Amino acid sequence: MTHSTVTSKGQTTIPGEIRAALRIKPGDRLDYAIDGDHATIRVNPGTRSLKGVLASTKGKGMSFAQIRAAAGKAALGRGGVR
């Protein structure tokens, strides 16, 4: 069984094999649930889980002004601007 020691400040280091198994990365939040004398730890990756979700190549090679104009047209639901 893997273990770690708690400091006087209530801090501990999560052993490397546990971090690897749970894919814990810097910045991840850990959620704890208490059940009697046992605790369950779940990884809450937060915004890291969204990485790449919004990735698109649609605007690649376009200037910022061109992207804004295209977004404006799309928001109006037609090909022209008002």
PDB file of N, CA and C in Angstrom:
ATOM      1  N   MET A   1       0.840  -1.172   0.000  1.00  0.00           N
ATOM      2  CA  MET A   1       0.000   0.000   0.000  1.00  0.00           C
ATOM      3  C   MET A   1       0.887   1.238   0.000  1.00  0.00           C
ATOM      4  N   THR A   2       0.552   2.191  -0.826  1.00  0.00           N
ATOM      5  CA  THR A   2       1.292   3.448  -0.927  1.00  0.00           C
ATOM      6  C   THR A   2       0.830   4.388   0.182  1.00  0.00           C
ATOM      7  N   HIS A   3       1.753   5.182   0.706  1.00  0.00           N
ATOM      8  CA  HIS A   3       1.395   6.111   1.762  1.00  0.00           C
ATOM      9  C   HIS A   3       2.148   7.425   1.594  1.00  0.00           C
ATOM     10  N   SER A   4       1.701   8.440   2.319  1.00  0.00           N
ATOM     11  CA  SER A   4       2.411   9.705   2.412  1.00  0.00           C
ATOM     12  C   SER A   4       2.207  10.247   3.815  1.00  0.00           C
ATOM     13  N   THR A   5       2.993  11.229   4.193  1.00  0.00           N
ATOM     14  CA  THR A   5       2.935  11.794   5.535  1.00  0.00           C
ATOM     15  C   THR A   5       2.323  13.194   5.469  1.00  0.00           C
ATOM     16  N   VAL A   6       1.506  13.516   6.458  1.00  0.00           N
ATOM     17  CA  VAL A   6       0.870  14.836   6.524  1.00  0.00           C
ATOM     18  C   VAL A   6       1.747  15.754   7.365  1.00  0.00           C
ATOM     19  N   THR A   7       1.979  16.973   6.864  1.00  0.00           N
ATOM     20  CA  THR A   7       2.787  17.953   7.594  1.00  0.00           C
ATOM     21  C   THR A   7       1.933  18.642   8.650  1.00  0.00           C
ATOM     22  N   SER A   8       2.566  19.489   9.461  1.00  0.00           N
ATOM     23  CA  SER A   8       1.844  20.231  10.500  1.00  0.00           C
ATOM     24  C   SER A   8       0.841  21.212   9.899  1.00  0.00           C
ATOM     25  N   LYS A   9       1.023  21.562   8.640  1.00  0.00           N
ATOM     26  CA  LYS A   9       0.089  22.461   7.944  1.00  0.00           C
ATOM     27  C   LYS A   9      -1.034  21.696   7.240  1.00  0.00           C
ATOM     28  N   GLY A  10      -1.067  20.377   7.401  1.00  0.00           N
ATOM     29  CA  GLY A  10      -2.112  19.575   6.769  1.00  0.00           C
ATOM     30  C   GLY A  10      -1.822  19.254   5.314  1.00  0.00           C
ATOM     31  N   GLN A  11      -0.593  19.430   4.891  1.00  0.00           N
ATOM     32  CA  GLN A  11      -0.213  19.179   3.504  1.00  0.00           C
ATOM     33  C   GLN A  11       0.437  17.810   3.364  1.00  0.00           C
ATOM     34  N   THR A  12       0.337  17.250   2.169  1.00  0.00           N
ATOM     35  CA  THR A  12       0.993  15.982   1.872  1.00  0.00           C
ATOM     36  C   THR A  12       1.376  15.973   0.400  1.00  0.00           C
ATOM     37  N   THR A  13       2.274  15.109   0.048  1.00  0.00           N
ATOM     38  CA  THR A  13       2.646  14.918  -1.345  1.00  0.00           C
ATOM     39  C   THR A  13       1.973  13.650  -1.840  1.00  0.00           C
ATOM     40  N   ILE A  14       1.270  13.771  -2.958  1.00  0.00           N
ATOM     41  CA  ILE A  14       0.631  12.594  -3.536  1.00  0.00           C
ATOM     42  C   ILE A  14       1.720  11.799  -4.246  1.00  0.00           C
ATOM     43  N   PRO A  15       1.890  10.545  -3.881  1.00  0.00           N
ATOM     44  CA  PRO A  15       2.950   9.736  -4.498  1.00  0.00           C
ATOM     45  C   PRO A  15       2.829   9.695  -6.029  1.00  0.00           C
ATOM     46  N   GLY A  16       3.969   9.635  -6.688  1.00  0.00           N
ATOM     47  CA  GLY A  16       4.035   9.653  -8.148  1.00  0.00           C
ATOM     48  C   GLY A  16       3.186   8.594  -8.822  1.00  0.00           C
ATOM     49  N   GLU A  17       3.162   7.383  -8.276  1.00  0.00           N
ATOM     50  CA  GLU A  17       2.378   6.317  -8.921  1.00  0.00           C
ATOM     51  C   GLU A  17       0.882   6.613  -8.841  1.00  0.00           C
ATOM     52  N   ILE A  18       0.452   7.289  -7.780  1.00  0.00           N
ATOM     53  CA  ILE A  18      -0.960   7.675  -7.652  1.00  0.00           C
ATOM     54  C   ILE A  18      -1.280   8.801  -8.626  1.00  0.00           C
ATOM     55  N   ARG A  19      -0.389   9.811  -8.699  1.00  0.00           N
ATOM     56  CA  ARG A  19      -0.591  10.913  -9.658  1.00  0.00           C
ATOM     57  C   ARG A  19      -0.668  10.388 -11.073  1.00  0.00           C
ATOM     58  N   ALA A  20       0.190   9.442 -11.405  1.00  0.00           N
ATOM     59  CA  ALA A  20       0.189   8.873 -12.758  1.00  0.00           C
ATOM     60  C   ALA A  20      -1.094   8.084 -13.025  1.00  0.00           C
ATOM     61  N   ALA A  21      -1.509   7.269 -12.067  1.00  0.00           N
ATOM     62  CA  ALA A  21      -2.703   6.435 -12.247  1.00  0.00           C
ATOM     63  C   ALA A  21      -3.961   7.283 -12.409  1.00  0.00           C
ATOM     64  N   LEU A  22      -4.033   8.405 -11.668  1.00  0.00           N
ATOM     65  CA  LEU A  22      -5.208   9.280 -11.737  1.00  0.00           C
ATOM     66  C   LEU A  22      -5.037  10.421 -12.734  1.00  0.00           C
ATOM     67  N   ARG A  23      -3.867  10.458 -13.383  1.00  0.00           N
ATOM     68  CA  ARG A  23      -3.539  11.507 -14.352  1.00  0.00           C
ATOM     69  C   ARG A  23      -3.698  12.900 -13.745  1.00  0.00           C
ATOM     70  N   ILE A  24      -3.193  13.061 -12.529  1.00  0.00           N
ATOM     71  CA  ILE A  24      -3.250  14.344 -11.831  1.00  0.00           C
ATOM     72  C   ILE A  24      -2.142  15.239 -12.376  1.00  0.00           C
ATOM     73  N   LYS A  25      -2.527  16.421 -12.795  1.00  0.00           N
ATOM     74  CA  LYS A  25      -1.582  17.398 -13.346  1.00  0.00           C
ATOM     75  C   LYS A  25      -1.581  18.642 -12.455  1.00  0.00           C
ATOM     76  N   PRO A  26      -0.520  19.450 -12.512  1.00  0.00           N
ATOM     77  CA  PRO A  26      -0.496  20.701 -11.749  1.00  0.00           C
ATOM     78  C   PRO A  26      -1.707  21.562 -12.121  1.00  0.00           C
ATOM     79  N   GLY A  27      -2.354  22.110 -11.117  1.00  0.00           N
ATOM     80  CA  GLY A  27      -3.525  22.945 -11.349  1.00  0.00           C
ATOM     81  C   GLY A  27      -4.847  22.200 -11.222  1.00  0.00           C
ATOM     82  N   ASP A  28      -4.808  20.858 -11.234  1.00  0.00           N
ATOM     83  CA  ASP A  28      -6.036  20.080 -11.052  1.00  0.00           C
ATOM     84  C   ASP A  28      -6.553  20.281  -9.629  1.00  0.00           C
ATOM     85  N   ARG A  29      -7.868  20.220  -9.492  1.00  0.00           N
ATOM     86  CA  ARG A  29      -8.493  20.274  -8.168  1.00  0.00           C
ATOM     87  C   ARG A  29      -8.884  18.861  -7.787  1.00  0.00           C
ATOM     88  N   LEU A  30      -8.757  18.557  -6.505  1.00  0.00           N
ATOM     89  CA  LEU A  30      -9.139  17.247  -5.999  1.00  0.00           C
ATOM     90  C   LEU A  30     -10.403  17.392  -5.166  1.00  0.00           C
ATOM     91  N   ASP A  31     -11.383  16.542  -5.423  1.00  0.00           N
ATOM     92  CA  ASP A  31     -12.620  16.511  -4.654  1.00  0.00           C
ATOM     93  C   ASP A  31     -12.543  15.335  -3.686  1.00  0.00           C
ATOM     94  N   TYR A  32     -12.938  15.573  -2.437  1.00  0.00           N
ATOM     95  CA  TYR A  32     -12.885  14.548  -1.407  1.00  0.00           C
ATOM     96  C   TYR A  32     -14.296  14.208  -0.936  1.00  0.00           C
ATOM     97  N   ALA A  33     -14.559  12.931  -0.720  1.00  0.00           N
ATOM     98  CA  ALA A  33     -15.825  12.475  -0.148  1.00  0.00           C
ATOM     99  C   ALA A  33     -15.490  11.580   1.040  1.00  0.00           C
ATOM    100  N   ILE A  34     -16.135  11.823   2.156  1.00  0.00           N
ATOM    101  CA  ILE A  34     -15.897  11.055   3.378  1.00  0.00           C
ATOM    102  C   ILE A  34     -17.015  10.033   3.541  1.00  0.00           C
ATOM    103  N   ASP A  35     -16.624   8.788   3.817  1.00  0.00           N
ATOM    104  CA  ASP A  35     -17.583   7.714   4.084  1.00  0.00           C
ATOM    105  C   ASP A  35     -17.061   6.932   5.283  1.00  0.00           C
ATOM    106  N   GLY A  36     -17.537   7.310   6.458  1.00  0.00           N
ATOM    107  CA  GLY A  36     -17.047   6.663   7.681  1.00  0.00           C
ATOM    108  C   GLY A  36     -15.587   7.009   7.908  1.00  0.00           C
ATOM    109  N   ASP A  37     -14.742   5.967   7.959  1.00  0.00           N
ATOM    110  CA  ASP A  37     -13.313   6.203   8.166  1.00  0.00           C
ATOM    111  C   ASP A  37     -12.526   6.129   6.858  1.00  0.00           C
ATOM    112  N   HIS A  38     -13.229   6.241   5.715  1.00  0.00           N
ATOM    113  CA  HIS A  38     -12.582   6.215   4.409  1.00  0.00           C
ATOM    114  C   HIS A  38     -12.839   7.523   3.661  1.00  0.00           C
ATOM    115  N   ALA A  39     -11.898   7.900   2.837  1.00  0.00           N
ATOM    116  CA  ALA A  39     -12.062   9.084   1.988  1.00  0.00           C
ATOM    117  C   ALA A  39     -11.836   8.662   0.541  1.00  0.00           C
ATOM    118  N   THR A  40     -12.644   9.225  -0.336  1.00  0.00           N
ATOM    119  CA  THR A  40     -12.476   8.992  -1.766  1.00  0.00           C
ATOM    120  C   THR A  40     -11.993  10.290  -2.388  1.00  0.00           C
ATOM    121  N   ILE A  41     -10.986  10.187  -3.248  1.00  0.00           N
ATOM    122  CA  ILE A  41     -10.446  11.357  -3.929  1.00  0.00           C
ATOM    123  C   ILE A  41     -10.793  11.241  -5.410  1.00  0.00           C
ATOM    124  N   ARG A  42     -11.366  12.309  -5.947  1.00  0.00           N
ATOM    125  CA  ARG A  42     -11.657  12.359  -7.386  1.00  0.00           C
ATOM    126  C   ARG A  42     -10.950  13.568  -7.970  1.00  0.00           C
ATOM    127  N   VAL A  43     -10.440  13.410  -9.166  1.00  0.00           N
ATOM    128  CA  VAL A  43      -9.751  14.500  -9.836  1.00  0.00           C
ATOM    129  C   VAL A  43     -10.779  15.341 -10.581  1.00  0.00           C
ATOM    130  N   ASN A  44     -10.745  16.634 -10.330  1.00  0.00           N
ATOM    131  CA  ASN A  44     -11.589  17.585 -11.035  1.00  0.00           C
ATOM    132  C   ASN A  44     -10.650  18.439 -11.877  1.00  0.00           C
ATOM    133  N   PRO A  45     -10.463  18.083 -13.157  1.00  0.00           N
ATOM    134  CA  PRO A  45      -9.459  18.765 -13.976  1.00  0.00           C
ATOM    135  C   PRO A  45      -9.797  20.202 -14.325  1.00  0.00           C
ATOM    136  N   GLY A  46     -11.013  20.649 -14.048  1.00  0.00           N
ATOM    137  CA  GLY A  46     -11.377  22.039 -14.321  1.00  0.00           C
ATOM    138  C   GLY A  46     -11.263  22.365 -15.796  1.00  0.00           C
ATOM    139  N   THR A  47     -10.650  23.501 -16.089  1.00  0.00           N
ATOM    140  CA  THR A  47     -10.580  23.959 -17.475  1.00  0.00           C
ATOM    141  C   THR A  47      -9.629  23.121 -18.324  1.00  0.00           C
ATOM    142  N   ARG A  48      -8.750  22.356 -17.690  1.00  0.00           N
ATOM    143  CA  ARG A  48      -7.842  21.519 -18.477  1.00  0.00           C
ATOM    144  C   ARG A  48      -8.614  20.540 -19.345  1.00  0.00           C
ATOM    145  N   SER A  49      -9.789  20.107 -18.856  1.00  0.00           N
ATOM    146  CA  SER A  49     -10.581  19.147 -19.616  1.00  0.00           C
ATOM    147  C   SER A  49     -11.161  19.751 -20.884  1.00  0.00           C
ATOM    148  N   LEU A  50     -11.158  21.073 -20.979  1.00  0.00           N
ATOM    149  CA  LEU A  50     -11.701  21.746 -22.162  1.00  0.00           C
ATOM    150  C   LEU A  50     -10.652  21.981 -23.246  1.00  0.00           C
ATOM    151  N   LYS A  51      -9.406  21.669 -22.942  1.00  0.00           N
ATOM    152  CA  LYS A  51      -8.338  21.926 -23.893  1.00  0.00           C
ATOM    153  C   LYS A  51      -8.633  21.263 -25.230  1.00  0.00           C
ATOM    154  N   GLY A  52      -8.627  22.057 -26.284  1.00  0.00           N
ATOM    155  CA  GLY A  52      -8.844  21.552 -27.631  1.00  0.00           C
ATOM    156  C   GLY A  52     -10.296  21.477 -28.049  1.00  0.00           C
ATOM    157  N   VAL A  53     -11.227  21.700 -27.117  1.00  0.00           N
ATOM    158  CA  VAL A  53     -12.645  21.603 -27.449  1.00  0.00           C
ATOM    159  C   VAL A  53     -13.040  22.654 -28.478  1.00  0.00           C
ATOM    160  N   LEU A  54     -12.495  23.830 -28.362  1.00  0.00           N
ATOM    161  CA  LEU A  54     -12.851  24.920 -29.258  1.00  0.00           C
ATOM    162  C   LEU A  54     -11.887  25.083 -30.420  1.00  0.00           C
ATOM    163  N   ALA A  55     -10.959  24.176 -30.537  1.00  0.00           N
ATOM    164  CA  ALA A  55      -9.971  24.286 -31.607  1.00  0.00           C
ATOM    165  C   ALA A  55     -10.649  24.147 -32.965  1.00  0.00           C
ATOM    166  N   SER A  56     -10.278  25.014 -33.876  1.00  0.00           N
ATOM    167  CA  SER A  56     -10.837  24.989 -35.216  1.00  0.00           C
ATOM    168  C   SER A  56      -9.815  25.574 -36.170  1.00  0.00           C
ATOM    169  N   THR A  57      -9.858  25.137 -37.395  1.00  0.00           N
ATOM    170  CA  THR A  57      -8.960  25.689 -38.411  1.00  0.00           C
ATOM    171  C   THR A  57      -9.716  26.622 -39.350  1.00  0.00           C
ATOM    172  N   LYS A  58     -10.998  26.903 -39.042  1.00  0.00           N
ATOM    173  CA  LYS A  58     -11.809  27.749 -39.920  1.00  0.00           C
ATOM    174  C   LYS A  58     -11.204  29.129 -40.130  1.00  0.00           C
ATOM    175  N   GLY A  59     -10.659  29.738 -39.088  1.00  0.00           N
ATOM    176  CA  GLY A  59     -10.124  31.092 -39.208  1.00  0.00           C
ATOM    177  C   GLY A  59      -8.641  31.136 -39.514  1.00  0.00           C
ATOM    178  N   LYS A  60      -8.047  29.996 -39.762  1.00  0.00           N
ATOM    179  CA  LYS A  60      -6.597  29.946 -39.991  1.00  0.00           C
ATOM    180  C   LYS A  60      -6.234  30.775 -41.224  1.00  0.00           C
ATOM    181  N   GLY A  61      -5.279  31.649 -41.073  1.00  0.00           N
ATOM    182  CA  GLY A  61      -4.831  32.490 -42.175  1.00  0.00           C
ATOM    183  C   GLY A  61      -5.631  33.770 -42.320  1.00  0.00           C
ATOM    184  N   MET A  62      -6.646  33.962 -41.487  1.00  0.00           N
ATOM    185  CA  MET A  62      -7.460  35.177 -41.547  1.00  0.00           C
ATOM    186  C   MET A  62      -6.954  36.182 -40.517  1.00  0.00           C
ATOM    187  N   SER A  63      -7.110  37.473 -40.826  1.00  0.00           N
ATOM    188  CA  SER A  63      -6.757  38.501 -39.858  1.00  0.00           C
ATOM    189  C   SER A  63      -7.858  38.568 -38.803  1.00  0.00           C
ATOM    190  N   PHE A  64      -7.562  39.251 -37.718  1.00  0.00           N
ATOM    191  CA  PHE A  64      -8.555  39.395 -36.663  1.00  0.00           C
ATOM    192  C   PHE A  64      -9.786  40.135 -37.187  1.00  0.00           C
ATOM    193  N   ALA A  65      -9.582  41.158 -37.994  1.00  0.00           N
ATOM    194  CA  ALA A  65     -10.699  41.919 -38.569  1.00  0.00           C
ATOM    195  C   ALA A  65     -11.558  41.023 -39.460  1.00  0.00           C
ATOM    196  N   GLN A  66     -10.945  40.146 -40.232  1.00  0.00           N
ATOM    197  CA  GLN A  66     -11.704  39.227 -41.092  1.00  0.00           C
ATOM    198  C   GLN A  66     -12.517  38.240 -40.247  1.00  0.00           C
ATOM    199  N   ILE A  67     -11.925  37.755 -39.169  1.00  0.00           N
ATOM    200  CA  ILE A  67     -12.632  36.826 -38.285  1.00  0.00           C
ATOM    201  C   ILE A  67     -13.822  37.527 -37.636  1.00  0.00           C
ATOM    202  N   ARG A  68     -13.634  38.769 -37.176  1.00  0.00           N
ATOM    203  CA  ARG A  68     -14.741  39.529 -36.573  1.00  0.00           C
ATOM    204  C   ARG A  68     -15.862  39.752 -37.575  1.00  0.00           C
ATOM    205  N   ALA A  69     -15.497  40.094 -38.815  1.00  0.00           N
ATOM    206  CA  ALA A  69     -16.515  40.324 -39.842  1.00  0.00           C
ATOM    207  C   ALA A  69     -17.292  39.040 -40.124  1.00  0.00           C
ATOM    208  N   ALA A  70     -16.605  37.922 -40.226  1.00  0.00           N
ATOM    209  CA  ALA A  70     -17.253  36.635 -40.482  1.00  0.00           C
ATOM    210  C   ALA A  70     -18.148  36.247 -39.313  1.00  0.00           C
ATOM    211  N   ALA A  71     -17.700  36.518 -38.085  1.00  0.00           N
ATOM    212  CA  ALA A  71     -18.506  36.208 -36.909  1.00  0.00           C
ATOM    213  C   ALA A  71     -19.753  37.080 -36.880  1.00  0.00           C
ATOM    214  N   GLY A  72     -19.621  38.333 -37.270  1.00  0.00           N
ATOM    215  CA  GLY A  72     -20.772  39.232 -37.325  1.00  0.00           C
ATOM    216  C   GLY A  72     -21.802  38.758 -38.333  1.00  0.00           C
ATOM    217  N   LYS A  73     -21.339  38.328 -39.491  1.00  0.00           N
ATOM    218  CA  LYS A  73     -22.250  37.802 -40.513  1.00  0.00           C
ATOM    219  C   LYS A  73     -22.964  36.554 -40.013  1.00  0.00           C
ATOM    220  N   ALA A  74     -22.210  35.679 -39.364  1.00  0.00           N
ATOM    221  CA  ALA A  74     -22.799  34.440 -38.851  1.00  0.00           C
ATOM    222  C   ALA A  74     -23.820  34.734 -37.758  1.00  0.00           C
ATOM    223  N   ALA A  75     -23.546  35.731 -36.924  1.00  0.00           N
ATOM    224  CA  ALA A  75     -24.464  36.078 -35.844  1.00  0.00           C
ATOM    225  C   ALA A  75     -25.780  36.625 -36.383  1.00  0.00           C
ATOM    226  N   LEU A  76     -25.722  37.326 -37.514  1.00  0.00           N
ATOM    227  CA  LEU A  76     -26.933  37.863 -38.127  1.00  0.00           C
ATOM    228  C   LEU A  76     -27.705  36.778 -38.887  1.00  0.00           C
ATOM    229  N   GLY A  77     -27.068  35.652 -39.105  1.00  0.00           N
ATOM    230  CA  GLY A  77     -27.728  34.553 -39.791  1.00  0.00           C
ATOM    231  C   GLY A  77     -27.835  34.744 -41.293  1.00  0.00           C
ATOM    232  N   ARG A  78     -27.031  35.630 -41.827  1.00  0.00           N
ATOM    233  CA  ARG A  78     -27.038  35.851 -43.280  1.00  0.00           C
ATOM    234  C   ARG A  78     -25.651  36.262 -43.753  1.00  0.00           C
ATOM    235  N   GLY A  79     -25.521  36.416 -45.008  1.00  0.00           N
ATOM    236  CA  GLY A  79     -24.215  36.710 -45.598  1.00  0.00           C
ATOM    237  C   GLY A  79     -23.762  38.145 -45.516  1.00  0.00           C
ATOM    238  N   GLY A  80     -24.607  39.084 -45.134  1.00  0.00           N
ATOM    239  CA  GLY A  80     -24.224  40.492 -45.121  1.00  0.00           C
ATOM    240  C   GLY A  80     -24.269  41.089 -43.734  1.00  0.00           C
ATOM    241  N   VAL A  81     -23.773  42.307 -43.635  1.00  0.00           N
ATOM    242  CA  VAL A  81     -23.810  43.036 -42.373  1.00  0.00           C
ATOM    243  C   VAL A  81     -24.804  44.170 -42.493  1.00  0.00           C
ATOM    244  N   ARG A  82     -25.336  44.633 -41.395  1.00  0.00           N
ATOM    245  CA  ARG A  82     -26.298  45.743 -41.401  1.00  0.00           C
ATOM    246  C   ARG A  82     -25.614  47.067 -41.534  1.00  0.00           C
TER     247      ARG A  82
END
